[in-house]
């Protein structure tokens, strides 16, 4: 599968989907401050009333490369914080997606399952699943959020470069 042109993806879709939002921008990566992030694998969580929407952040999708396949638990299934709720496959990565919150899967984004590279094109519009959380306040406590995002993202970029997982 052809790789996503980094400049096209970053300059067009991500900017439009983030328009009007308070965003942390470090180098070419953009992370909205209102989302919560799982430190270990860049899964984002957006609280929407009594539900939480989950997806893969801008840095995570870049590091993974062109996403070719996603499989998730079905609606109705219980998920547990820090446990696998699905798998992601790209040309560079095959591995688990782990839940930032515990709860019951309410909906899975069928469009993303059919065309996973949508996440590469627009990682915050193209979410993976919607969850009814069971311990939301407790689960959010150790996720990266708000002003702590920039320091965390800078450290992640440095670590990925050190390991040569991303190149300039």
C-alpha atoms as a PDB file:
ATOM      1  CA  UNK A   1       0.000   0.000   0.000  1.00  0.00           C
ATOM      2  CA  UNK A   2       1.367   3.449  -0.874  1.00  0.00           C
ATOM      3  CA  UNK A   3       2.495   5.585   2.030  1.00  0.00           C
ATOM      4  CA  UNK A   4       0.735   8.792   2.958  1.00  0.00           C
ATOM      5  CA  UNK A   5       2.518  11.951   1.865  1.00  0.00           C
ATOM      6  CA  UNK A   6       3.453  13.514   5.208  1.00  0.00           C
ATOM      7  CA  UNK A   7       3.127  17.139   4.102  1.00  0.00           C
ATOM      8  CA  UNK A   8      -0.232  16.647   2.394  1.00  0.00           C
ATOM      9  CA  UNK A   9      -1.696  14.775   5.360  1.00  0.00           C
ATOM     10  CA  UNK A  10      -0.455  17.232   7.945  1.00  0.00           C
ATOM     11  CA  UNK A  11      -1.127  20.484   6.159  1.00  0.00           C
ATOM     12  CA  UNK A  12      -4.642  19.771   4.967  1.00  0.00           C
ATOM     13  CA  UNK A  13      -6.768  17.288   6.929  1.00  0.00           C
ATOM     14  CA  UNK A  14      -5.267  17.760  10.387  1.00  0.00           C
ATOM     15  CA  UNK A  15      -5.458  21.538  10.177  1.00  0.00           C
ATOM     16  CA  UNK A  16      -9.098  21.481   9.075  1.00  0.00           C
ATOM     17  CA  UNK A  17     -10.168  18.980  11.727  1.00  0.00           C
ATOM     18  CA  UNK A  18      -8.405  20.985  14.452  1.00  0.00           C
ATOM     19  CA  UNK A  19      -9.649  24.404  13.377  1.00  0.00           C
ATOM     20  CA  UNK A  20     -10.757  26.464  16.370  1.00  0.00           C
ATOM     21  CA  UNK A  21      -9.337  23.997  18.920  1.00  0.00           C
ATOM     22  CA  UNK A  22      -6.637  24.656  21.509  1.00  0.00           C
ATOM     23  CA  UNK A  23      -3.801  22.533  20.130  1.00  0.00           C
ATOM     24  CA  UNK A  24      -0.276  21.691  21.258  1.00  0.00           C
ATOM     25  CA  UNK A  25       2.007  21.727  18.228  1.00  0.00           C
ATOM     26  CA  UNK A  26       5.499  20.283  18.483  1.00  0.00           C
ATOM     27  CA  UNK A  27       7.391  20.205  15.204  1.00  0.00           C
ATOM     28  CA  UNK A  28       4.931  18.698  12.707  1.00  0.00           C
ATOM     29  CA  UNK A  29       2.637  16.969  15.220  1.00  0.00           C
ATOM     30  CA  UNK A  30      -0.564  18.434  16.614  1.00  0.00           C
ATOM     31  CA  UNK A  31      -2.409  17.188  19.708  1.00  0.00           C
ATOM     32  CA  UNK A  32      -5.603  18.844  20.999  1.00  0.00           C
ATOM     33  CA  UNK A  33      -5.348  19.914  24.638  1.00  0.00           C
ATOM     34  CA  UNK A  34      -8.910  18.816  25.438  1.00  0.00           C
ATOM     35  CA  UNK A  35      -8.159  15.141  24.771  1.00  0.00           C
ATOM     36  CA  UNK A  36      -6.621  12.622  27.161  1.00  0.00           C
ATOM     37  CA  UNK A  37      -3.729  10.460  25.933  1.00  0.00           C
ATOM     38  CA  UNK A  38      -2.477   7.050  26.941  1.00  0.00           C
ATOM     39  CA  UNK A  39       1.275   7.501  27.351  1.00  0.00           C
ATOM     40  CA  UNK A  40       2.346   4.113  26.079  1.00  0.00           C
ATOM     41  CA  UNK A  41       0.680   3.970  22.670  1.00  0.00           C
ATOM     42  CA  UNK A  42      -0.849   7.338  21.765  1.00  0.00           C
ATOM     43  CA  UNK A  43      -4.482   6.297  22.055  1.00  0.00           C
ATOM     44  CA  UNK A  44      -6.600   9.419  22.650  1.00  0.00           C
ATOM     45  CA  UNK A  45      -9.824   9.680  24.624  1.00  0.00           C
ATOM     46  CA  UNK A  46     -12.397  12.454  24.216  1.00  0.00           C
ATOM     47  CA  UNK A  47     -15.057  12.758  26.916  1.00  0.00           C
ATOM     48  CA  UNK A  48     -18.455  13.455  25.327  1.00  0.00           C
ATOM     49  CA  UNK A  49     -21.040  13.682  28.088  1.00  0.00           C
ATOM     50  CA  UNK A  50     -21.415  10.172  29.493  1.00  0.00           C
ATOM     51  CA  UNK A  51     -19.419   8.554  26.653  1.00  0.00           C
ATOM     52  CA  UNK A  52     -15.753   8.459  25.645  1.00  0.00           C
ATOM     53  CA  UNK A  53     -14.574   8.375  22.029  1.00  0.00           C
ATOM     54  CA  UNK A  54     -11.210   6.637  21.355  1.00  0.00           C
ATOM     55  CA  UNK A  55      -8.717   7.005  18.525  1.00  0.00           C
ATOM     56  CA  UNK A  56      -5.024   7.145  17.600  1.00  0.00           C
ATOM     57  CA  UNK A  57      -3.272  10.518  17.874  1.00  0.00           C
ATOM     58  CA  UNK A  58      -1.317  12.361  15.180  1.00  0.00           C
ATOM     59  CA  UNK A  59       2.100  11.256  16.443  1.00  0.00           C
ATOM     60  CA  UNK A  60       0.996   7.641  16.842  1.00  0.00           C
ATOM     61  CA  UNK A  61      -0.396   7.397  13.329  1.00  0.00           C
ATOM     62  CA  UNK A  62       2.795   8.916  11.882  1.00  0.00           C
ATOM     63  CA  UNK A  63       4.992   6.503  13.835  1.00  0.00           C
ATOM     64  CA  UNK A  64       2.849   3.525  12.758  1.00  0.00           C
ATOM     65  CA  UNK A  65       2.918   4.460   9.081  1.00  0.00           C
ATOM     66  CA  UNK A  66       0.067   3.786   6.687  1.00  0.00           C
ATOM     67  CA  UNK A  67      -2.540   1.868   8.654  1.00  0.00           C
ATOM     68  CA  UNK A  68      -3.777  -1.129   6.680  1.00  0.00           C
ATOM     69  CA  UNK A  69      -5.925  -3.095   9.132  1.00  0.00           C
ATOM     70  CA  UNK A  70      -7.773  -2.537  12.392  1.00  0.00           C
ATOM     71  CA  UNK A  71      -9.749  -5.086  14.381  1.00  0.00           C
ATOM     72  CA  UNK A  72     -11.671  -4.165  17.545  1.00  0.00           C
ATOM     73  CA  UNK A  73     -13.954  -5.680  20.119  1.00  0.00           C
ATOM     74  CA  UNK A  74     -17.619  -5.491  19.048  1.00  0.00           C
ATOM     75  CA  UNK A  75     -20.336  -3.317  20.599  1.00  0.00           C
ATOM     76  CA  UNK A  76     -21.556  -4.684  23.917  1.00  0.00           C
ATOM     77  CA  UNK A  77     -18.159  -6.034  24.923  1.00  0.00           C
ATOM     78  CA  UNK A  78     -16.556  -4.842  28.156  1.00  0.00           C
ATOM     79  CA  UNK A  79     -13.061  -3.372  27.931  1.00  0.00           C
ATOM     80  CA  UNK A  80     -10.616  -2.753  30.768  1.00  0.00           C
ATOM     81  CA  UNK A  81      -8.198   0.132  31.145  1.00  0.00           C
ATOM     82  CA  UNK A  82      -4.684  -0.758  29.945  1.00  0.00           C
ATOM     83  CA  UNK A  83      -5.926  -3.978  28.316  1.00  0.00           C
ATOM     84  CA  UNK A  84      -6.212  -4.673  24.599  1.00  0.00           C
ATOM     85  CA  UNK A  85      -9.428  -3.563  22.867  1.00  0.00           C
ATOM     86  CA  UNK A  86      -8.179  -4.137  19.327  1.00  0.00           C
ATOM     87  CA  UNK A  87      -5.219  -4.542  17.018  1.00  0.00           C
ATOM     88  CA  UNK A  88      -3.639  -2.250  14.463  1.00  0.00           C
ATOM     89  CA  UNK A  89      -1.485  -3.250  11.497  1.00  0.00           C
ATOM     90  CA  UNK A  90       0.616  -1.071   9.234  1.00  0.00           C
ATOM     91  CA  UNK A  91       3.695  -1.543   7.111  1.00  0.00           C
ATOM     92  CA  UNK A  92       5.858  -0.754  10.164  1.00  0.00           C
ATOM     93  CA  UNK A  93       3.785  -1.981  13.096  1.00  0.00           C
ATOM     94  CA  UNK A  94       1.539  -4.805  14.203  1.00  0.00           C
ATOM     95  CA  UNK A  95       0.274  -4.679  17.745  1.00  0.00           C
ATOM     96  CA  UNK A  96      -2.408  -4.074  20.311  1.00  0.00           C
ATOM     97  CA  UNK A  97      -4.422  -0.946  20.959  1.00  0.00           C
ATOM     98  CA  UNK A  98      -4.947  -0.634  24.704  1.00  0.00           C
ATOM     99  CA  UNK A  99      -7.855   1.087  26.374  1.00  0.00           C
ATOM    100  CA  UNK A 100      -7.319   4.377  28.225  1.00  0.00           C
ATOM    101  CA  UNK A 101     -10.613   3.784  30.095  1.00  0.00           C
ATOM    102  CA  UNK A 102     -12.718   0.845  31.258  1.00  0.00           C
ATOM    103  CA  UNK A 103     -16.304   0.385  30.130  1.00  0.00           C
ATOM    104  CA  UNK A 104     -18.660  -1.084  27.562  1.00  0.00           C
ATOM    105  CA  UNK A 105     -18.168  -0.667  23.820  1.00  0.00           C
ATOM    106  CA  UNK A 106     -21.187   1.237  22.488  1.00  0.00           C
ATOM    107  CA  UNK A 107     -20.157   1.704  18.868  1.00  0.00           C
ATOM    108  CA  UNK A 108     -17.292   0.877  16.529  1.00  0.00           C
ATOM    109  CA  UNK A 109     -16.495   3.176  13.602  1.00  0.00           C
ATOM    110  CA  UNK A 110     -17.261   0.911  10.641  1.00  0.00           C
ATOM    111  CA  UNK A 111     -15.815   3.400   8.145  1.00  0.00           C
ATOM    112  CA  UNK A 112     -12.417   3.203   9.864  1.00  0.00           C
ATOM    113  CA  UNK A 113     -12.578  -0.598   9.955  1.00  0.00           C
ATOM    114  CA  UNK A 114     -13.294  -0.635   6.197  1.00  0.00           C
ATOM    115  CA  UNK A 115     -10.689   2.018   5.362  1.00  0.00           C
ATOM    116  CA  UNK A 116      -8.136   2.216   8.229  1.00  0.00           C
ATOM    117  CA  UNK A 117      -5.887   4.735   6.471  1.00  0.00           C
ATOM    118  CA  UNK A 118      -8.565   7.343   7.256  1.00  0.00           C
ATOM    119  CA  UNK A 119      -6.775   7.618  10.592  1.00  0.00           C
ATOM    120  CA  UNK A 120      -3.609   8.674   8.739  1.00  0.00           C
ATOM    121  CA  UNK A 121      -5.561  11.295   6.847  1.00  0.00           C
ATOM    122  CA  UNK A 122      -7.406  12.782   9.821  1.00  0.00           C
ATOM    123  CA  UNK A 123      -6.652  11.119  13.177  1.00  0.00           C
ATOM    124  CA  UNK A 124      -9.102  13.118  15.299  1.00  0.00           C
ATOM    125  CA  UNK A 125     -12.106  12.917  12.968  1.00  0.00           C
ATOM    126  CA  UNK A 126     -11.575   9.222  12.318  1.00  0.00           C
ATOM    127  CA  UNK A 127     -12.103   7.665  15.716  1.00  0.00           C
ATOM    128  CA  UNK A 128     -12.059   3.932  16.441  1.00  0.00           C
ATOM    129  CA  UNK A 129     -14.719   3.299  19.082  1.00  0.00           C
ATOM    130  CA  UNK A 130     -17.206   4.865  21.484  1.00  0.00           C
ATOM    131  CA  UNK A 131     -17.272   3.591  25.068  1.00  0.00           C
ATOM    132  CA  UNK A 132     -19.644   3.975  28.002  1.00  0.00           C
ATOM    133  CA  UNK A 133     -17.065   4.304  30.807  1.00  0.00           C
ATOM    134  CA  UNK A 134     -17.418   2.523  34.130  1.00  0.00           C
ATOM    135  CA  UNK A 135     -14.735   4.358  36.194  1.00  0.00           C
ATOM    136  CA  UNK A 136     -14.136   7.545  34.229  1.00  0.00           C
ATOM    137  CA  UNK A 137     -12.776   9.902  36.890  1.00  0.00           C
ATOM    138  CA  UNK A 138     -10.341   7.295  38.191  1.00  0.00           C
ATOM    139  CA  UNK A 139      -9.270   6.231  34.685  1.00  0.00           C
ATOM    140  CA  UNK A 140      -8.509   9.786  33.537  1.00  0.00           C
ATOM    141  CA  UNK A 141      -6.129  10.505  36.421  1.00  0.00           C
ATOM    142  CA  UNK A 142      -2.996   8.994  34.876  1.00  0.00           C
ATOM    143  CA  UNK A 143      -3.625  10.034  31.259  1.00  0.00           C
ATOM    144  CA  UNK A 144      -1.740  12.955  29.703  1.00  0.00           C
ATOM    145  CA  UNK A 145      -3.944  16.035  29.358  1.00  0.00           C
ATOM    146  CA  UNK A 146      -3.802  19.814  28.916  1.00  0.00           C
ATOM    147  CA  UNK A 147      -0.508  21.566  29.593  1.00  0.00           C
ATOM    148  CA  UNK A 148       1.408  18.330  30.260  1.00  0.00           C
ATOM    149  CA  UNK A 149       0.987  17.238  26.624  1.00  0.00           C
ATOM    150  CA  UNK A 150       3.867  19.327  25.250  1.00  0.00           C
ATOM    151  CA  UNK A 151       6.539  17.956  27.603  1.00  0.00           C
ATOM    152  CA  UNK A 152       5.328  14.387  27.051  1.00  0.00           C
ATOM    153  CA  UNK A 153       5.247  14.776  23.261  1.00  0.00           C
ATOM    154  CA  UNK A 154       8.753  16.282  23.148  1.00  0.00           C
ATOM    155  CA  UNK A 155      10.061  13.344  25.195  1.00  0.00           C
ATOM    156  CA  UNK A 156       8.286  10.862  22.897  1.00  0.00           C
ATOM    157  CA  UNK A 157       9.750  12.487  19.777  1.00  0.00           C
ATOM    158  CA  UNK A 158      13.252  12.356  21.268  1.00  0.00           C
ATOM    159  CA  UNK A 159      12.849   8.697  22.285  1.00  0.00           C
ATOM    160  CA  UNK A 160      11.471   7.637  18.891  1.00  0.00           C
ATOM    161  CA  UNK A 161      14.349   9.422  17.135  1.00  0.00           C
ATOM    162  CA  UNK A 162      16.881   7.800  19.453  1.00  0.00           C
ATOM    163  CA  UNK A 163      15.442   4.389  18.553  1.00  0.00           C
ATOM    164  CA  UNK A 164      15.241   5.444  14.881  1.00  0.00           C
ATOM    165  CA  UNK A 165      11.521   4.748  14.766  1.00  0.00           C
ATOM    166  CA  UNK A 166      10.981   8.148  13.132  1.00  0.00           C
ATOM    167  CA  UNK A 167      13.316  10.066  10.885  1.00  0.00           C
ATOM    168  CA  UNK A 168      13.319  13.698   9.822  1.00  0.00           C
END
